[in-house]
N, C-alpha and C. Protein backbone atom coordinates (compact mmCIF):
# COMPACT_ATOMS: atom_id res chain seq x y z
N UNK A 1 12.38 -6.20 19.22
CA UNK A 1 12.19 -4.78 19.09
C UNK A 1 11.69 -4.49 17.67
N UNK A 2 10.64 -3.68 17.56
CA UNK A 2 10.12 -3.28 16.25
C UNK A 2 11.09 -2.26 15.65
N UNK A 3 11.56 -2.54 14.43
CA UNK A 3 12.49 -1.63 13.77
C UNK A 3 11.82 -0.81 12.68
N UNK A 4 10.68 -1.28 12.17
CA UNK A 4 9.98 -0.52 11.13
C UNK A 4 8.54 -0.99 11.03
N UNK A 5 7.62 -0.04 10.88
CA UNK A 5 6.21 -0.31 10.59
C UNK A 5 5.89 0.35 9.27
N UNK A 6 5.23 -0.38 8.39
CA UNK A 6 4.83 0.20 7.11
C UNK A 6 3.45 -0.30 6.70
N UNK A 7 2.84 0.45 5.82
CA UNK A 7 1.65 0.02 5.11
C UNK A 7 2.12 -0.18 3.68
N UNK A 8 1.96 -1.37 3.15
CA UNK A 8 2.41 -1.66 1.78
C UNK A 8 1.23 -2.01 0.90
N UNK A 9 1.15 -1.36 -0.24
CA UNK A 9 0.16 -1.71 -1.25
C UNK A 9 0.82 -2.70 -2.20
N UNK A 10 0.26 -3.89 -2.27
CA UNK A 10 0.82 -4.96 -3.09
C UNK A 10 -0.11 -5.17 -4.28
N UNK A 11 0.47 -5.12 -5.48
CA UNK A 11 -0.30 -5.33 -6.71
C UNK A 11 -0.08 -6.74 -7.22
N UNK A 12 -1.15 -7.28 -7.77
CA UNK A 12 -1.13 -8.63 -8.32
C UNK A 12 -1.64 -8.59 -9.75
N UNK A 13 -1.05 -9.42 -10.61
CA UNK A 13 -1.54 -9.61 -11.97
C UNK A 13 -1.61 -11.11 -12.18
N UNK A 14 -2.80 -11.58 -12.48
CA UNK A 14 -2.99 -13.01 -12.70
C UNK A 14 -2.37 -13.39 -14.04
N UNK A 15 -1.51 -14.40 -14.01
CA UNK A 15 -0.87 -14.86 -15.24
C UNK A 15 -1.78 -15.73 -16.10
N UNK A 16 -2.97 -16.03 -15.58
CA UNK A 16 -3.91 -16.86 -16.35
C UNK A 16 -4.95 -15.99 -17.07
N UNK A 17 -5.66 -15.15 -16.31
CA UNK A 17 -6.74 -14.36 -16.91
C UNK A 17 -6.37 -12.87 -17.03
N UNK A 18 -5.21 -12.48 -16.54
CA UNK A 18 -4.66 -11.12 -16.60
C UNK A 18 -5.44 -10.10 -15.79
N UNK A 19 -6.25 -10.57 -14.84
CA UNK A 19 -6.95 -9.65 -13.94
C UNK A 19 -5.91 -8.98 -13.04
N UNK A 20 -6.10 -7.70 -12.76
CA UNK A 20 -5.19 -6.97 -11.87
C UNK A 20 -5.96 -6.49 -10.65
N UNK A 21 -5.33 -6.58 -9.48
CA UNK A 21 -5.93 -6.10 -8.25
C UNK A 21 -4.82 -5.74 -7.28
N UNK A 22 -5.17 -5.07 -6.19
CA UNK A 22 -4.18 -4.72 -5.18
C UNK A 22 -4.79 -4.85 -3.79
N UNK A 23 -3.92 -5.09 -2.81
CA UNK A 23 -4.34 -5.25 -1.41
C UNK A 23 -3.33 -4.51 -0.55
N UNK A 24 -3.80 -3.85 0.51
CA UNK A 24 -2.94 -3.18 1.47
C UNK A 24 -2.61 -4.13 2.61
N UNK A 25 -1.34 -4.19 2.98
CA UNK A 25 -0.85 -5.04 4.07
C UNK A 25 -0.16 -4.16 5.12
N UNK A 26 -0.35 -4.51 6.38
CA UNK A 26 0.43 -3.91 7.46
C UNK A 26 1.67 -4.78 7.61
N UNK A 27 2.85 -4.16 7.63
CA UNK A 27 4.10 -4.90 7.70
C UNK A 27 4.89 -4.41 8.91
N UNK A 28 5.37 -5.36 9.68
CA UNK A 28 6.15 -5.04 10.87
C UNK A 28 7.52 -5.74 10.75
N UNK A 29 8.58 -4.94 10.80
CA UNK A 29 9.93 -5.49 10.82
C UNK A 29 10.35 -5.55 12.29
N UNK A 30 10.92 -6.66 12.67
CA UNK A 30 11.20 -6.93 14.08
C UNK A 30 12.59 -7.55 14.21
N UNK A 31 13.38 -7.11 15.17
CA UNK A 31 14.68 -7.72 15.46
C UNK A 31 14.57 -8.44 16.80
N UNK A 32 14.88 -9.74 16.78
CA UNK A 32 14.76 -10.53 18.01
C UNK A 32 16.00 -10.35 18.89
N UNK A 33 15.99 -10.98 20.05
CA UNK A 33 17.07 -10.85 21.02
C UNK A 33 18.40 -11.40 20.53
N UNK A 34 18.37 -12.19 19.47
CA UNK A 34 19.60 -12.76 18.91
C UNK A 34 20.09 -11.98 17.70
N UNK A 35 19.45 -10.85 17.40
CA UNK A 35 19.88 -9.99 16.30
C UNK A 35 19.35 -10.38 14.94
N UNK A 36 18.45 -11.37 14.87
CA UNK A 36 17.86 -11.77 13.58
C UNK A 36 16.69 -10.85 13.26
N UNK A 37 16.57 -10.52 11.99
CA UNK A 37 15.47 -9.67 11.53
C UNK A 37 14.34 -10.53 10.99
N UNK A 38 13.12 -10.13 11.32
CA UNK A 38 11.91 -10.84 10.91
C UNK A 38 10.95 -9.85 10.28
N UNK A 39 10.04 -10.36 9.49
CA UNK A 39 9.03 -9.54 8.84
C UNK A 39 7.68 -10.21 9.07
N UNK A 40 6.72 -9.44 9.57
CA UNK A 40 5.37 -9.96 9.83
C UNK A 40 4.37 -9.18 8.98
N UNK A 41 3.45 -9.91 8.35
CA UNK A 41 2.41 -9.30 7.53
C UNK A 41 1.06 -9.55 8.19
N UNK A 42 0.16 -8.57 8.05
CA UNK A 42 -1.21 -8.77 8.51
C UNK A 42 -2.15 -8.00 7.60
N UNK A 43 -3.38 -8.49 7.54
CA UNK A 43 -4.48 -7.82 6.83
C UNK A 43 -5.65 -7.79 7.77
N UNK A 44 -6.17 -6.60 7.98
CA UNK A 44 -7.33 -6.43 8.86
C UNK A 44 -7.07 -7.04 10.24
N UNK A 45 -5.82 -6.91 10.73
CA UNK A 45 -5.47 -7.38 12.06
C UNK A 45 -5.24 -8.87 12.16
N UNK A 46 -5.26 -9.58 11.05
CA UNK A 46 -5.07 -11.03 11.04
C UNK A 46 -3.72 -11.33 10.39
N UNK A 47 -2.87 -12.08 11.09
CA UNK A 47 -1.55 -12.43 10.55
C UNK A 47 -1.71 -13.29 9.30
N UNK A 48 -0.92 -12.98 8.28
CA UNK A 48 -0.94 -13.73 7.02
C UNK A 48 0.49 -13.95 6.56
N UNK A 49 0.68 -14.92 5.67
CA UNK A 49 1.98 -15.14 5.06
C UNK A 49 2.31 -13.98 4.13
N UNK A 50 3.58 -13.81 3.83
CA UNK A 50 4.02 -12.75 2.93
C UNK A 50 3.38 -12.90 1.56
N UNK A 51 2.80 -11.80 1.02
CA UNK A 51 2.20 -11.88 -0.32
C UNK A 51 3.26 -11.96 -1.42
N UNK A 52 4.53 -11.86 -1.02
CA UNK A 52 5.63 -11.95 -1.97
C UNK A 52 6.16 -13.38 -2.11
N UNK A 53 5.47 -14.32 -1.47
CA UNK A 53 5.86 -15.73 -1.54
C UNK A 53 4.66 -16.55 -2.04
N UNK A 54 4.91 -17.71 -2.64
CA UNK A 54 3.79 -18.55 -3.09
C UNK A 54 2.84 -18.94 -1.96
N UNK A 55 3.37 -19.15 -0.74
CA UNK A 55 2.51 -19.55 0.38
C UNK A 55 1.53 -18.44 0.77
N UNK A 56 1.89 -17.18 0.54
CA UNK A 56 1.02 -16.08 0.94
C UNK A 56 0.29 -15.40 -0.21
N UNK A 57 0.48 -15.90 -1.42
CA UNK A 57 -0.17 -15.29 -2.58
C UNK A 57 -1.68 -15.52 -2.51
N UNK A 58 -2.49 -14.43 -2.54
CA UNK A 58 -3.94 -14.61 -2.48
C UNK A 58 -4.49 -15.11 -3.83
N UNK A 59 -5.66 -15.68 -3.81
CA UNK A 59 -6.25 -16.15 -5.07
C UNK A 59 -6.75 -14.99 -5.92
N UNK A 60 -6.69 -15.17 -7.21
CA UNK A 60 -7.23 -14.18 -8.14
C UNK A 60 -8.74 -14.12 -7.93
N UNK A 61 -9.32 -12.91 -7.79
CA UNK A 61 -10.76 -12.80 -7.60
C UNK A 61 -11.58 -13.29 -8.80
N UNK A 62 -10.94 -13.39 -9.97
CA UNK A 62 -11.66 -13.81 -11.17
C UNK A 62 -11.60 -15.32 -11.40
N UNK A 63 -10.40 -15.90 -11.29
CA UNK A 63 -10.27 -17.32 -11.65
C UNK A 63 -9.78 -18.21 -10.51
N UNK A 64 -9.36 -17.62 -9.39
CA UNK A 64 -8.97 -18.39 -8.22
C UNK A 64 -7.54 -18.88 -8.18
N UNK A 65 -6.77 -18.62 -9.23
CA UNK A 65 -5.37 -19.05 -9.20
C UNK A 65 -4.57 -18.09 -8.32
N UNK A 66 -3.46 -18.56 -7.76
CA UNK A 66 -2.65 -17.76 -6.85
C UNK A 66 -1.45 -17.18 -7.57
N UNK A 67 -1.20 -15.86 -7.34
CA UNK A 67 -0.07 -15.19 -7.97
C UNK A 67 0.63 -14.32 -6.95
N UNK A 68 1.96 -14.39 -6.96
CA UNK A 68 2.79 -13.60 -6.05
C UNK A 68 2.69 -12.12 -6.45
N UNK A 69 2.66 -11.25 -5.45
CA UNK A 69 2.51 -9.83 -5.70
C UNK A 69 3.83 -9.09 -5.77
N UNK A 70 3.72 -7.80 -6.09
CA UNK A 70 4.88 -6.91 -6.10
C UNK A 70 4.50 -5.63 -5.38
N UNK A 71 5.46 -5.04 -4.70
CA UNK A 71 5.20 -3.82 -3.93
C UNK A 71 5.00 -2.65 -4.89
N UNK A 72 3.84 -2.01 -4.81
CA UNK A 72 3.53 -0.88 -5.67
C UNK A 72 3.77 0.44 -4.96
N UNK A 73 3.56 0.45 -3.63
CA UNK A 73 3.75 1.67 -2.85
C UNK A 73 3.85 1.28 -1.38
N UNK A 74 4.46 2.15 -0.60
CA UNK A 74 4.56 1.89 0.84
C UNK A 74 4.58 3.22 1.58
N UNK A 75 4.12 3.16 2.81
CA UNK A 75 4.13 4.35 3.67
C UNK A 75 4.68 3.93 5.01
N UNK A 76 5.74 4.62 5.45
CA UNK A 76 6.31 4.36 6.76
C UNK A 76 5.39 4.90 7.84
N UNK A 77 5.28 4.17 8.92
CA UNK A 77 4.52 4.61 10.09
C UNK A 77 5.54 4.82 11.19
N UNK A 78 5.66 6.05 11.71
CA UNK A 78 6.68 6.31 12.72
C UNK A 78 6.51 5.42 13.94
N UNK A 79 7.64 4.91 14.44
CA UNK A 79 7.61 4.09 15.65
C UNK A 79 8.00 4.96 16.84
N UNK A 80 7.34 4.79 17.97
CA UNK A 80 7.66 5.58 19.15
C UNK A 80 9.01 5.17 19.73
N UNK A 81 9.69 5.97 20.48
CA UNK A 81 9.26 7.27 20.94
C UNK A 81 9.55 8.39 19.95
N UNK A 82 10.37 8.19 18.95
CA UNK A 82 10.64 9.23 17.98
C UNK A 82 11.62 10.26 18.51
N UNK A 83 11.91 11.24 17.69
CA UNK A 83 12.82 12.32 18.08
C UNK A 83 12.19 13.15 19.19
N UNK A 84 13.03 13.87 19.91
CA UNK A 84 12.53 14.69 21.02
C UNK A 84 11.52 15.73 20.57
N UNK A 85 11.65 16.22 19.35
CA UNK A 85 10.71 17.24 18.86
C UNK A 85 9.48 16.65 18.18
N UNK A 86 9.28 15.33 18.24
CA UNK A 86 8.11 14.68 17.65
C UNK A 86 6.86 15.13 18.41
N UNK A 87 5.85 15.63 17.70
CA UNK A 87 4.62 16.03 18.39
C UNK A 87 3.97 14.83 19.08
N UNK A 88 3.64 15.00 20.33
CA UNK A 88 2.95 13.95 21.07
C UNK A 88 2.20 14.57 22.23
N UNK A 89 1.26 13.84 22.75
CA UNK A 89 0.42 14.32 23.83
C UNK A 89 0.18 13.18 24.80
N UNK A 90 0.36 13.45 26.10
CA UNK A 90 0.13 12.36 27.06
C UNK A 90 -1.35 11.99 27.15
N UNK A 91 -1.63 10.72 27.39
CA UNK A 91 -3.00 10.24 27.56
C UNK A 91 -3.26 10.19 29.06
N UNK A 92 -4.15 11.03 29.51
CA UNK A 92 -4.42 11.13 30.95
C UNK A 92 -5.44 10.10 31.42
N UNK A 93 -6.44 9.82 30.57
CA UNK A 93 -7.51 8.90 30.94
C UNK A 93 -7.60 7.82 29.87
N UNK A 94 -6.88 6.72 30.05
CA UNK A 94 -6.83 5.66 29.03
C UNK A 94 -8.19 5.13 28.64
N UNK A 95 -9.06 4.90 29.62
CA UNK A 95 -10.39 4.34 29.35
C UNK A 95 -11.28 5.34 28.63
N UNK A 96 -11.14 6.62 28.93
CA UNK A 96 -12.01 7.63 28.34
C UNK A 96 -11.40 8.36 27.16
N UNK A 97 -10.18 7.99 26.80
CA UNK A 97 -9.50 8.68 25.71
C UNK A 97 -10.15 8.38 24.36
N UNK A 98 -10.68 9.38 23.73
CA UNK A 98 -11.36 9.28 22.43
C UNK A 98 -12.22 8.03 22.33
N UNK A 99 -13.30 7.96 23.09
CA UNK A 99 -14.13 6.75 23.12
C UNK A 99 -14.75 6.39 21.77
N UNK A 100 -14.85 7.34 20.86
CA UNK A 100 -15.43 7.03 19.54
C UNK A 100 -14.57 6.04 18.77
N UNK A 101 -13.29 5.92 19.12
CA UNK A 101 -12.41 4.98 18.43
C UNK A 101 -12.88 3.54 18.63
N UNK A 102 -13.43 3.23 19.80
CA UNK A 102 -13.83 1.86 20.09
C UNK A 102 -15.00 1.40 19.22
N UNK A 103 -15.85 2.31 18.83
CA UNK A 103 -17.01 1.96 18.02
C UNK A 103 -16.80 2.19 16.53
N UNK A 104 -15.65 2.76 16.16
CA UNK A 104 -15.40 3.05 14.74
C UNK A 104 -15.18 1.74 13.98
N UNK A 105 -15.70 1.66 12.75
CA UNK A 105 -15.49 0.44 11.98
C UNK A 105 -14.02 0.30 11.59
N UNK A 106 -13.57 -0.94 11.48
CA UNK A 106 -12.19 -1.20 11.05
C UNK A 106 -12.06 -0.86 9.58
N UNK A 107 -10.92 -0.30 9.22
CA UNK A 107 -10.63 0.03 7.84
C UNK A 107 -10.07 -1.23 7.18
N UNK A 108 -10.82 -1.80 6.27
CA UNK A 108 -10.43 -3.07 5.65
C UNK A 108 -9.27 -2.88 4.69
N UNK A 109 -8.47 -3.92 4.53
CA UNK A 109 -7.31 -3.88 3.64
C UNK A 109 -7.73 -3.67 2.19
N UNK A 110 -8.95 -4.02 1.85
CA UNK A 110 -9.43 -3.84 0.47
C UNK A 110 -10.34 -2.62 0.35
N UNK A 111 -10.23 -1.68 1.30
CA UNK A 111 -11.12 -0.52 1.31
C UNK A 111 -10.80 0.49 0.22
N UNK A 112 -9.60 0.44 -0.35
CA UNK A 112 -9.26 1.39 -1.41
C UNK A 112 -9.77 0.88 -2.76
N UNK A 113 -9.87 1.79 -3.71
CA UNK A 113 -10.33 1.39 -5.03
C UNK A 113 -9.25 0.57 -5.72
N UNK A 114 -9.67 -0.50 -6.35
CA UNK A 114 -8.75 -1.38 -7.06
C UNK A 114 -8.38 -0.73 -8.40
N UNK A 115 -7.19 -1.08 -8.96
CA UNK A 115 -6.78 -0.48 -10.23
C UNK A 115 -7.79 -0.66 -11.34
N UNK A 116 -8.48 -1.82 -11.41
CA UNK A 116 -9.44 -2.03 -12.48
C UNK A 116 -10.75 -1.28 -12.24
N UNK A 117 -10.92 -0.66 -11.07
CA UNK A 117 -12.12 0.11 -10.77
C UNK A 117 -11.92 1.59 -11.01
N UNK A 118 -10.69 2.00 -11.28
CA UNK A 118 -10.41 3.41 -11.49
C UNK A 118 -10.88 3.80 -12.88
N UNK A 119 -11.64 4.87 -12.95
CA UNK A 119 -12.13 5.35 -14.23
C UNK A 119 -11.06 6.14 -14.95
N UNK A 120 -11.38 6.68 -16.11
CA UNK A 120 -10.41 7.50 -16.83
C UNK A 120 -10.11 8.75 -16.02
N UNK A 121 -8.89 9.26 -16.10
CA UNK A 121 -8.53 10.45 -15.33
C UNK A 121 -9.34 11.65 -15.78
N UNK A 122 -9.53 12.58 -14.85
CA UNK A 122 -10.24 13.81 -15.18
C UNK A 122 -9.44 14.58 -16.21
N UNK A 123 -10.11 15.41 -16.98
CA UNK A 123 -9.45 16.20 -18.01
C UNK A 123 -8.30 16.99 -17.42
N UNK A 124 -7.11 16.85 -18.01
CA UNK A 124 -5.93 17.58 -17.54
C UNK A 124 -5.19 16.89 -16.42
N UNK A 125 -5.75 15.86 -15.83
CA UNK A 125 -5.10 15.20 -14.70
C UNK A 125 -3.82 14.50 -15.12
N UNK A 126 -3.79 13.93 -16.32
CA UNK A 126 -2.60 13.22 -16.77
C UNK A 126 -1.46 14.20 -16.97
N UNK A 127 -1.74 15.35 -17.60
CA UNK A 127 -0.68 16.32 -17.84
C UNK A 127 -0.14 16.87 -16.53
N UNK A 128 -1.00 17.09 -15.55
CA UNK A 128 -0.55 17.65 -14.28
C UNK A 128 0.29 16.64 -13.51
N UNK A 129 -0.04 15.36 -13.61
CA UNK A 129 0.67 14.35 -12.84
C UNK A 129 1.90 13.83 -13.57
N UNK A 130 1.96 13.98 -14.87
CA UNK A 130 3.04 13.40 -15.65
C UNK A 130 4.22 14.36 -15.76
N UNK A 131 5.45 13.87 -15.54
CA UNK A 131 6.60 14.74 -15.70
C UNK A 131 6.97 14.95 -17.16
N UNK A 132 6.37 14.19 -18.07
CA UNK A 132 6.68 14.30 -19.48
C UNK A 132 5.86 15.43 -20.08
N UNK A 133 6.52 16.30 -20.84
CA UNK A 133 5.82 17.41 -21.48
C UNK A 133 5.49 17.06 -22.92
N UNK A 134 4.36 17.58 -23.38
CA UNK A 134 4.03 17.44 -24.80
C UNK A 134 4.77 18.53 -25.56
N UNK A 135 5.36 18.14 -26.68
CA UNK A 135 6.07 19.12 -27.50
C UNK A 135 5.23 19.37 -28.73
N UNK A 136 4.86 20.62 -28.91
CA UNK A 136 4.06 21.00 -30.07
C UNK A 136 4.95 21.00 -31.31
N UNK A 137 4.43 20.53 -32.42
CA UNK A 137 5.16 20.56 -33.68
C UNK A 137 5.24 21.99 -34.16
N UNK A 138 6.43 22.39 -34.60
CA UNK A 138 6.65 23.75 -35.10
C UNK A 138 6.65 23.79 -36.62
N UNK A 139 6.32 22.66 -37.25
CA UNK A 139 6.26 22.66 -38.72
C UNK A 139 7.63 22.80 -39.35
N UNK A 140 8.61 22.10 -38.80
CA UNK A 140 9.99 22.17 -39.28
C UNK A 140 10.13 21.56 -40.65
N UNK A 141 11.33 21.70 -41.22
CA UNK A 141 11.64 21.21 -42.56
C UNK A 141 11.37 19.72 -42.67
N UNK A 142 10.78 19.31 -43.76
CA UNK A 142 10.54 17.90 -44.02
C UNK A 142 9.25 17.38 -43.44
N UNK A 143 8.52 18.15 -42.63
CA UNK A 143 7.28 17.66 -42.07
C UNK A 143 6.15 17.89 -43.04
N UNK A 144 5.28 16.92 -43.15
CA UNK A 144 4.08 17.04 -43.98
C UNK A 144 4.36 16.99 -45.45
N UNK A 145 5.53 16.56 -45.88
CA UNK A 145 5.86 16.52 -47.29
C UNK A 145 5.45 15.20 -47.89
């Protein structure tokens, strides 16, 4: 039985060349018939080893060395059937239901911008996103002496 579905953004920092990058993984938590919990990772629909282990660590895009990642962010994906008040709609025609989905390109795990590709924030963006306030100097005693 699936107990949790998530999308996890895993960040990597190469300990050799210090290149930083991130990859999105689909993660499925599953409980088997014997009560054991399992975790399955996939990228672009292909099963992969956990990026949190040496066996699943991807190579650095710059130097090729493998480094274990760390979870930077995650988003839960609701599992059906959900609460009784969960919005849902019955599918009446399975074959004809939203046919554009079949031809839509797959969203690749590396489709988001990598941390090293992000430019400087727009003017004022840091102040709006940061919980830390700037304190203006009031010219108190002992300053500028």
